Amino acid sequence: GPSFVNINANASVAFDLTLPGYELNGGDGDRIRVVDSDIECGGQDASFVTGDLLPPPPNGARNTGTAEPSSSTWNNVIFKPGVSGLYKVCWCGSKGAACSTDEDFSETAAQ
């Protein structure tokens, strides 16, 4: 699974969200949700992306990944102009489109 990492981003500036980890073999089946910091991964609303991201949010398969060291990257993530705050990245491993419930996104991968 992913290793916890801190990510800094600026509003209105596209960035690549990269999660390092161990055996991220699910790769294209892994999914993430960027949520507000008061949401607990695996808890209520963990499967819903914050409204502070510009579309399209990083809901689908990763754009790139590596085997060793293992990592997954979602490209062109952009926060809306004028927003600031703390967010979490909740991760669901290897289930692809079946990653759909709050409970599926139970691992906190980044903040």
Foldseek 3Di string as FASTA:
>chain_A
DFAEDEDDDDAPDWDKDKTWHAQLVLQQQKFKAKFAPVDAQLDPPRQPHDPQWDPPARGGGFPDFDHVRTMGIHTGTHGHPPDDHDIWMFMAGNHGPVCHDSNRRRDTGYD
